[in-house]
Amino acid sequence: MDSPSTSDPQNPQTERRGLPQAYAVRSQRERLLEAMVRVTATKGYEATTVTDVIEFAGVSRTTFDEMFDGKTACFLAAYDAVFDVLIAHITTAFEAAEGPWPEQIVAALAALVELLTVETDIARLVMVEVTVAGDDARERYRAALSRFMPMLEQGRAHSGQREALPTDTARFAAGGATSMIFDEVRSGRGPELRRILPDLVFAVLMPYLGPEAAEEEMRRVTREGG
């Protein structure tokens, strides 16, 4: 096969020529992480193989082995990457919301549901497949959830009963919401997550505000088409 012409401006090889090696390495790594997300969402973590991932990514096995120490390492790296995007998206919505803490929580949950509804493969990875990918993955999941706690714990001041609330209130709130999302995604209803937004709002707010106030927020979200 003839070598690509160096004078052809439309040739992809020409466009890459002269770029730093770090660019190509980063690009290959990103393709592998993307492939891990997509293949795992389709086949499940246990059935996914390294061969599946490298074929989807169009990257050699040698390159994969240079970057990752096996399937689990690649999965964990993909999990970290997508969760960074998820937490940034939610935090931005939380901080941009005008109004008291409950309205910030509603905005954050709406942003979470919106992203997971559009990116169903990401939803499958971060909510379902991580639970079957081994002890390291489950520990990564618990650590990831802890990144939501500062937003939730702001509810202590809003509740008016800061000292009376249990130490694990934020964990209870997060656990209730993630359990509902897990059930929906595992059952194949990820694209329908928007319909449970009012229930998520209740689950997160109730430990801080009590059932009556949380139910009122839930009804408000429902009225506004949440």
C-alpha atoms as a PDB file:
ATOM      1  CA  MET A   1       0.000   0.000   0.000  1.00  0.00           C
ATOM      2  CA  ASP A   2       1.320   3.428  -0.916  1.00  0.00           C
ATOM      3  CA  SER A   3       2.102   5.823   1.916  1.00  0.00           C
ATOM      4  CA  PRO A   4      -0.374   8.689   2.398  1.00  0.00           C
ATOM      5  CA  SER A   5       0.613  11.786   0.514  1.00  0.00           C
ATOM      6  CA  THR A   6       2.053  14.455   2.781  1.00  0.00           C
ATOM      7  CA  SER A   7       0.618  17.131   0.518  1.00  0.00           C
ATOM      8  CA  ASP A   8      -3.024  16.111   0.870  1.00  0.00           C
ATOM      9  CA  PRO A   9      -4.655  18.509   3.385  1.00  0.00           C
ATOM     10  CA  GLN A  10      -7.756  16.284   3.638  1.00  0.00           C
ATOM     11  CA  ASN A  11      -5.816  13.199   4.714  1.00  0.00           C
ATOM     12  CA  PRO A  12      -6.300  12.488   8.443  1.00  0.00           C
ATOM     13  CA  GLN A  13      -2.713  11.255   8.698  1.00  0.00           C
ATOM     14  CA  THR A  14      -1.562  14.608   7.350  1.00  0.00           C
ATOM     15  CA  GLU A  15      -3.645  16.463   9.921  1.00  0.00           C
ATOM     16  CA  ARG A  16      -2.080  14.473  12.783  1.00  0.00           C
ATOM     17  CA  ARG A  17       1.485  14.801  11.506  1.00  0.00           C
ATOM     18  CA  GLY A  18       3.598  16.945  13.781  1.00  0.00           C
ATOM     19  CA  LEU A  19       1.254  16.742  16.800  1.00  0.00           C
ATOM     20  CA  PRO A  20       2.839  15.853  20.140  1.00  0.00           C
ATOM     21  CA  GLN A  21       2.934  12.155  21.005  1.00  0.00           C
ATOM     22  CA  ALA A  22       0.951  12.949  24.155  1.00  0.00           C
ATOM     23  CA  TYR A  23      -2.012  13.898  21.946  1.00  0.00           C
ATOM     24  CA  ALA A  24      -2.127  10.488  20.286  1.00  0.00           C
ATOM     25  CA  VAL A  25      -1.736   8.696  23.622  1.00  0.00           C
ATOM     26  CA  ARG A  26      -4.521  10.728  25.195  1.00  0.00           C
ATOM     27  CA  SER A  27      -6.748  10.119  22.207  1.00  0.00           C
ATOM     28  CA  GLN A  28      -6.209   6.358  22.383  1.00  0.00           C
ATOM     29  CA  ARG A  29      -6.869   6.333  26.121  1.00  0.00           C
ATOM     30  CA  GLU A  30     -10.075   8.293  25.675  1.00  0.00           C
ATOM     31  CA  ARG A  31     -11.219   5.915  22.954  1.00  0.00           C
ATOM     32  CA  LEU A  32     -10.609   2.957  25.233  1.00  0.00           C
ATOM     33  CA  LEU A  33     -12.523   4.556  28.094  1.00  0.00           C
ATOM     34  CA  GLU A  34     -15.405   5.377  25.779  1.00  0.00           C
ATOM     35  CA  ALA A  35     -15.359   1.824  24.457  1.00  0.00           C
ATOM     36  CA  MET A  36     -15.457   0.426  27.981  1.00  0.00           C
ATOM     37  CA  VAL A  37     -18.546   2.515  28.759  1.00  0.00           C
ATOM     38  CA  ARG A  38     -20.387   1.511  25.580  1.00  0.00           C
ATOM     39  CA  VAL A  39     -19.491  -2.173  25.540  1.00  0.00           C
ATOM     40  CA  THR A  40     -20.151  -2.668  29.237  1.00  0.00           C
ATOM     41  CA  ALA A  41     -23.546  -1.019  28.933  1.00  0.00           C
ATOM     42  CA  THR A  42     -24.451  -3.411  26.124  1.00  0.00           C
ATOM     43  CA  LYS A  43     -22.951  -6.695  27.307  1.00  0.00           C
ATOM     44  CA  GLY A  44     -22.556  -6.186  31.043  1.00  0.00           C
ATOM     45  CA  TYR A  45     -19.249  -6.009  32.889  1.00  0.00           C
ATOM     46  CA  GLU A  46     -18.823  -9.731  33.418  1.00  0.00           C
ATOM     47  CA  ALA A  47     -19.371 -10.604  29.735  1.00  0.00           C
ATOM     48  CA  THR A  48     -17.198  -7.768  28.425  1.00  0.00           C
ATOM     49  CA  THR A  49     -13.695  -8.740  27.343  1.00  0.00           C
ATOM     50  CA  VAL A  50     -10.600  -6.737  26.589  1.00  0.00           C
ATOM     51  CA  THR A  51     -10.930  -7.886  22.984  1.00  0.00           C
ATOM     52  CA  ASP A  52     -14.405  -6.337  22.839  1.00  0.00           C
ATOM     53  CA  VAL A  53     -13.052  -3.046  24.138  1.00  0.00           C
ATOM     54  CA  ILE A  54     -10.033  -2.775  21.843  1.00  0.00           C
ATOM     55  CA  GLU A  55     -12.088  -3.727  18.800  1.00  0.00           C
ATOM     56  CA  PHE A  56     -14.677  -1.074  19.610  1.00  0.00           C
ATOM     57  CA  ALA A  57     -11.950   1.513  20.222  1.00  0.00           C
ATOM     58  CA  GLY A  58      -9.852   0.551  17.207  1.00  0.00           C
ATOM     59  CA  VAL A  59      -6.750   0.298  19.397  1.00  0.00           C
ATOM     60  CA  SER A  60      -4.195  -2.488  19.557  1.00  0.00           C
ATOM     61  CA  ARG A  61      -3.891  -4.930  22.433  1.00  0.00           C
ATOM     62  CA  THR A  62      -0.325  -3.738  22.953  1.00  0.00           C
ATOM     63  CA  THR A  63      -1.536  -0.175  23.432  1.00  0.00           C
ATOM     64  CA  PHE A  64      -4.222  -1.333  25.855  1.00  0.00           C
ATOM     65  CA  ASP A  65      -1.669  -3.271  27.910  1.00  0.00           C
ATOM     66  CA  GLU A  66       0.593  -0.217  28.028  1.00  0.00           C
ATOM     67  CA  MET A  67      -2.212   1.874  29.501  1.00  0.00           C
ATOM     68  CA  PHE A  68      -4.166  -0.510  31.705  1.00  0.00           C
ATOM     69  CA  ASP A  69      -3.390  -3.498  33.879  1.00  0.00           C
ATOM     70  CA  GLY A  70      -6.376  -5.491  32.658  1.00  0.00           C
ATOM     71  CA  LYS A  71     -10.120  -5.056  32.200  1.00  0.00           C
ATOM     72  CA  THR A  72     -10.858  -3.960  35.751  1.00  0.00           C
ATOM     73  CA  ALA A  73      -8.290  -1.166  35.654  1.00  0.00           C
ATOM     74  CA  CYS A  74      -9.792   0.154  32.433  1.00  0.00           C
ATOM     75  CA  PHE A  75     -13.296  -0.087  33.890  1.00  0.00           C
ATOM     76  CA  LEU A  76     -12.299   1.847  37.011  1.00  0.00           C
ATOM     77  CA  ALA A  77     -10.627   4.539  34.915  1.00  0.00           C
ATOM     78  CA  ALA A  78     -13.773   4.836  32.790  1.00  0.00           C
ATOM     79  CA  TYR A  79     -15.893   5.015  35.933  1.00  0.00           C
ATOM     80  CA  ASP A  80     -13.749   7.802  37.370  1.00  0.00           C
ATOM     81  CA  ALA A  81     -13.867   9.753  34.113  1.00  0.00           C
ATOM     82  CA  VAL A  82     -17.634   9.641  33.694  1.00  0.00           C
ATOM     83  CA  PHE A  83     -18.280  10.325  37.372  1.00  0.00           C
ATOM     84  CA  ASP A  84     -16.102  13.432  37.193  1.00  0.00           C
ATOM     85  CA  VAL A  85     -18.358  14.681  34.398  1.00  0.00           C
ATOM     86  CA  LEU A  86     -21.461  13.725  36.362  1.00  0.00           C
ATOM     87  CA  ILE A  87     -20.433  15.480  39.574  1.00  0.00           C
ATOM     88  CA  ALA A  88     -19.348  18.613  37.694  1.00  0.00           C
ATOM     89  CA  HIS A  89     -22.706  18.751  35.902  1.00  0.00           C
ATOM     90  CA  ILE A  90     -24.688  18.343  39.110  1.00  0.00           C
ATOM     91  CA  THR A  91     -22.559  20.752  41.130  1.00  0.00           C
ATOM     92  CA  THR A  92     -22.942  23.429  38.465  1.00  0.00           C
ATOM     93  CA  ALA A  93     -26.726  23.068  38.550  1.00  0.00           C
ATOM     94  CA  PHE A  94     -26.770  23.143  42.354  1.00  0.00           C
ATOM     95  CA  GLU A  95     -24.640  26.281  42.584  1.00  0.00           C
ATOM     96  CA  ALA A  96     -26.479  28.080  39.778  1.00  0.00           C
ATOM     97  CA  ALA A  97     -29.927  27.566  41.287  1.00  0.00           C
ATOM     98  CA  GLU A  98     -31.473  30.640  42.852  1.00  0.00           C
ATOM     99  CA  GLY A  99     -33.438  30.140  45.999  1.00  0.00           C
ATOM    100  CA  PRO A 100     -33.158  28.188  49.239  1.00  0.00           C
ATOM    101  CA  TRP A 101     -31.446  24.822  49.657  1.00  0.00           C
ATOM    102  CA  PRO A 102     -34.453  22.665  48.673  1.00  0.00           C
ATOM    103  CA  GLU A 103     -34.609  24.417  45.314  1.00  0.00           C
ATOM    104  CA  GLN A 104     -30.896  23.844  44.835  1.00  0.00           C
ATOM    105  CA  ILE A 105     -31.418  20.141  45.521  1.00  0.00           C
ATOM    106  CA  VAL A 106     -34.272  20.011  43.018  1.00  0.00           C
ATOM    107  CA  ALA A 107     -32.033  21.636  40.394  1.00  0.00           C
ATOM    108  CA  ALA A 108     -29.226  19.189  41.116  1.00  0.00           C
ATOM    109  CA  LEU A 109     -31.504  16.159  40.914  1.00  0.00           C
ATOM    110  CA  ALA A 110     -33.090  17.452  37.716  1.00  0.00           C
ATOM    111  CA  ALA A 111     -29.618  17.825  36.186  1.00  0.00           C
ATOM    112  CA  LEU A 112     -28.712  14.300  37.304  1.00  0.00           C
ATOM    113  CA  VAL A 113     -31.862  12.794  35.836  1.00  0.00           C
ATOM    114  CA  GLU A 114     -31.473  14.737  32.602  1.00  0.00           C
ATOM    115  CA  LEU A 115     -27.918  13.564  32.056  1.00  0.00           C
ATOM    116  CA  LEU A 116     -28.623   9.930  32.918  1.00  0.00           C
ATOM    117  CA  THR A 117     -31.711   9.952  30.695  1.00  0.00           C
ATOM    118  CA  VAL A 118     -29.702  11.131  27.696  1.00  0.00           C
ATOM    119  CA  GLU A 119     -26.592   9.078  28.476  1.00  0.00           C
ATOM    120  CA  THR A 120     -28.149   5.721  29.281  1.00  0.00           C
ATOM    121  CA  ASP A 121     -24.821   3.915  28.849  1.00  0.00           C
ATOM    122  CA  ILE A 122     -23.273   6.103  31.529  1.00  0.00           C
ATOM    123  CA  ALA A 123     -26.271   5.455  33.752  1.00  0.00           C
ATOM    124  CA  ARG A 124     -25.777   1.721  33.341  1.00  0.00           C
ATOM    125  CA  LEU A 125     -22.063   1.956  34.134  1.00  0.00           C
ATOM    126  CA  VAL A 126     -22.232   4.176  37.217  1.00  0.00           C
ATOM    127  CA  MET A 127     -25.385   2.734  38.758  1.00  0.00           C
ATOM    128  CA  VAL A 128     -25.495  -0.962  37.849  1.00  0.00           C
ATOM    129  CA  GLU A 129     -22.328  -2.457  36.400  1.00  0.00           C
ATOM    130  CA  VAL A 130     -20.128  -0.943  39.081  1.00  0.00           C
ATOM    131  CA  THR A 131     -21.896  -3.146  41.624  1.00  0.00           C
ATOM    132  CA  VAL A 132     -20.755  -6.358  39.890  1.00  0.00           C
ATOM    133  CA  ALA A 133     -17.222  -5.317  38.972  1.00  0.00           C
ATOM    134  CA  GLY A 134     -15.537  -6.416  42.206  1.00  0.00           C
ATOM    135  CA  ASP A 135     -14.606  -5.025  45.594  1.00  0.00           C
ATOM    136  CA  ASP A 136     -12.448  -2.209  44.212  1.00  0.00           C
ATOM    137  CA  ALA A 137     -15.313  -1.019  42.031  1.00  0.00           C
ATOM    138  CA  ARG A 138     -17.788  -1.077  44.902  1.00  0.00           C
ATOM    139  CA  GLU A 139     -15.364   0.891  47.042  1.00  0.00           C
ATOM    140  CA  ARG A 140     -14.982   3.375  44.172  1.00  0.00           C
ATOM    141  CA  TYR A 141     -18.772   3.673  44.065  1.00  0.00           C
ATOM    142  CA  ARG A 142     -18.968   4.473  47.779  1.00  0.00           C
ATOM    143  CA  ALA A 143     -16.217   7.064  47.426  1.00  0.00           C
ATOM    144  CA  ALA A 144     -17.998   8.621  44.454  1.00  0.00           C
ATOM    145  CA  LEU A 145     -21.253   8.959  46.390  1.00  0.00           C
ATOM    146  CA  SER A 146     -19.407  10.774  49.159  1.00  0.00           C
ATOM    147  CA  ARG A 147     -18.763  13.606  46.706  1.00  0.00           C
ATOM    148  CA  PHE A 148     -22.459  14.485  46.896  1.00  0.00           C
ATOM    149  CA  MET A 149     -22.424  14.800  50.684  1.00  0.00           C
ATOM    150  CA  PRO A 150     -21.348  18.465  50.955  1.00  0.00           C
ATOM    151  CA  MET A 151     -24.389  19.511  48.900  1.00  0.00           C
ATOM    152  CA  LEU A 152     -26.700  17.378  50.986  1.00  0.00           C
ATOM    153  CA  GLU A 153     -25.257  18.432  54.321  1.00  0.00           C
ATOM    154  CA  GLN A 154     -26.138  22.039  53.630  1.00  0.00           C
ATOM    155  CA  GLY A 155     -29.638  20.879  54.475  1.00  0.00           C
ATOM    156  CA  ARG A 156     -28.732  20.743  58.161  1.00  0.00           C
ATOM    157  CA  ALA A 157     -28.788  24.514  58.445  1.00  0.00           C
ATOM    158  CA  HIS A 158     -31.998  24.782  56.425  1.00  0.00           C
ATOM    159  CA  SER A 159     -33.790  22.143  58.475  1.00  0.00           C
ATOM    160  CA  GLY A 160     -33.564  24.082  61.703  1.00  0.00           C
ATOM    161  CA  GLN A 161     -32.615  20.933  63.606  1.00  0.00           C
ATOM    162  CA  ARG A 162     -28.920  20.757  62.884  1.00  0.00           C
ATOM    163  CA  GLU A 163     -27.912  18.959  66.077  1.00  0.00           C
ATOM    164  CA  ALA A 164     -30.883  16.599  66.163  1.00  0.00           C
ATOM    165  CA  LEU A 165     -30.199  15.059  62.765  1.00  0.00           C
ATOM    166  CA  PRO A 166     -28.282  11.758  62.731  1.00  0.00           C
ATOM    167  CA  THR A 167     -24.666  11.845  61.623  1.00  0.00           C
ATOM    168  CA  ASP A 168     -25.484   9.695  58.600  1.00  0.00           C
ATOM    169  CA  THR A 169     -28.409  11.791  57.366  1.00  0.00           C
ATOM    170  CA  ALA A 170     -26.713  12.601  54.055  1.00  0.00           C
ATOM    171  CA  ARG A 171     -25.930   8.947  53.480  1.00  0.00           C
ATOM    172  CA  PHE A 172     -29.548   8.008  54.152  1.00  0.00           C
ATOM    173  CA  ALA A 173     -30.762  10.648  51.715  1.00  0.00           C
ATOM    174  CA  ALA A 174     -28.342   9.620  48.987  1.00  0.00           C
ATOM    175  CA  GLY A 175     -29.077   5.947  49.555  1.00  0.00           C
ATOM    176  CA  GLY A 176     -32.796   6.384  49.047  1.00  0.00           C
ATOM    177  CA  ALA A 177     -32.342   8.274  45.796  1.00  0.00           C
ATOM    178  CA  THR A 178     -29.663   6.014  44.332  1.00  0.00           C
ATOM    179  CA  SER A 179     -31.675   2.915  45.168  1.00  0.00           C
ATOM    180  CA  MET A 180     -34.579   4.198  43.080  1.00  0.00           C
ATOM    181  CA  ILE A 181     -32.307   5.131  40.183  1.00  0.00           C
ATOM    182  CA  PHE A 182     -30.607   1.738  40.359  1.00  0.00           C
ATOM    183  CA  ASP A 183     -33.936  -0.079  40.109  1.00  0.00           C
ATOM    184  CA  GLU A 184     -35.027   1.963  37.112  1.00  0.00           C
ATOM    185  CA  VAL A 185     -31.770   1.597  35.198  1.00  0.00           C
ATOM    186  CA  ARG A 186     -31.384  -2.108  35.957  1.00  0.00           C
ATOM    187  CA  SER A 187     -34.935  -2.703  34.725  1.00  0.00           C
ATOM    188  CA  GLY A 188     -34.210  -0.961  31.424  1.00  0.00           C
ATOM    189  CA  ARG A 189     -36.187   2.156  32.242  1.00  0.00           C
ATOM    190  CA  GLY A 190     -33.216   4.524  32.187  1.00  0.00           C
ATOM    191  CA  PRO A 191     -34.739   6.670  29.407  1.00  0.00           C
ATOM    192  CA  GLU A 192     -37.785   7.202  31.658  1.00  0.00           C
ATOM    193  CA  LEU A 193     -35.923   8.530  34.695  1.00  0.00           C
ATOM    194  CA  ARG A 194     -37.540  11.957  34.435  1.00  0.00           C
ATOM    195  CA  ARG A 195     -40.810  10.520  35.694  1.00  0.00           C
ATOM    196  CA  ILE A 196     -39.302   9.646  39.093  1.00  0.00           C
ATOM    197  CA  LEU A 197     -37.821  13.103  39.725  1.00  0.00           C
ATOM    198  CA  PRO A 198     -40.570  14.027  42.234  1.00  0.00           C
ATOM    199  CA  ASP A 199     -39.900  10.798  44.144  1.00  0.00           C
ATOM    200  CA  LEU A 200     -36.172  11.509  44.181  1.00  0.00           C
ATOM    201  CA  VAL A 201     -36.843  14.972  45.541  1.00  0.00           C
ATOM    202  CA  PHE A 202     -38.914  13.499  48.370  1.00  0.00           C
ATOM    203  CA  ALA A 203     -36.285  10.855  49.178  1.00  0.00           C
ATOM    204  CA  VAL A 204     -33.496  13.425  49.491  1.00  0.00           C
ATOM    205  CA  LEU A 205     -35.404  16.172  51.290  1.00  0.00           C
ATOM    206  CA  MET A 206     -37.437  14.095  53.735  1.00  0.00           C
ATOM    207  CA  PRO A 207     -34.593  13.246  56.168  1.00  0.00           C
ATOM    208  CA  TYR A 208     -33.837  16.972  56.491  1.00  0.00           C
ATOM    209  CA  LEU A 209     -37.251  18.635  56.223  1.00  0.00           C
ATOM    210  CA  GLY A 210     -39.620  15.949  57.434  1.00  0.00           C
ATOM    211  CA  PRO A 211     -42.345  14.234  55.397  1.00  0.00           C
ATOM    212  CA  GLU A 212     -44.803  17.129  55.118  1.00  0.00           C
ATOM    213  CA  ALA A 213     -42.352  19.722  53.797  1.00  0.00           C
ATOM    214  CA  ALA A 214     -40.678  17.175  51.529  1.00  0.00           C
ATOM    215  CA  GLU A 215     -44.042  16.148  50.119  1.00  0.00           C
ATOM    216  CA  GLU A 216     -44.872  19.778  49.364  1.00  0.00           C
ATOM    217  CA  GLU A 217     -41.624  20.125  47.411  1.00  0.00           C
ATOM    218  CA  MET A 218     -42.434  16.898  45.599  1.00  0.00           C
ATOM    219  CA  ARG A 219     -45.852  18.230  44.627  1.00  0.00           C
ATOM    220  CA  ARG A 220     -44.331  21.501  43.457  1.00  0.00           C
ATOM    221  CA  VAL A 221     -41.966  19.623  41.166  1.00  0.00           C
ATOM    222  CA  THR A 222     -44.877  17.595  39.831  1.00  0.00           C
ATOM    223  CA  ARG A 223     -46.950  20.720  39.177  1.00  0.00           C
ATOM    224  CA  GLU A 224     -44.057  22.330  37.340  1.00  0.00           C
ATOM    225  CA  GLY A 225     -43.693  19.295  35.108  1.00  0.00           C
ATOM    226  CA  GLY A 226     -40.614  17.834  36.791  1.00  0.00           C
END
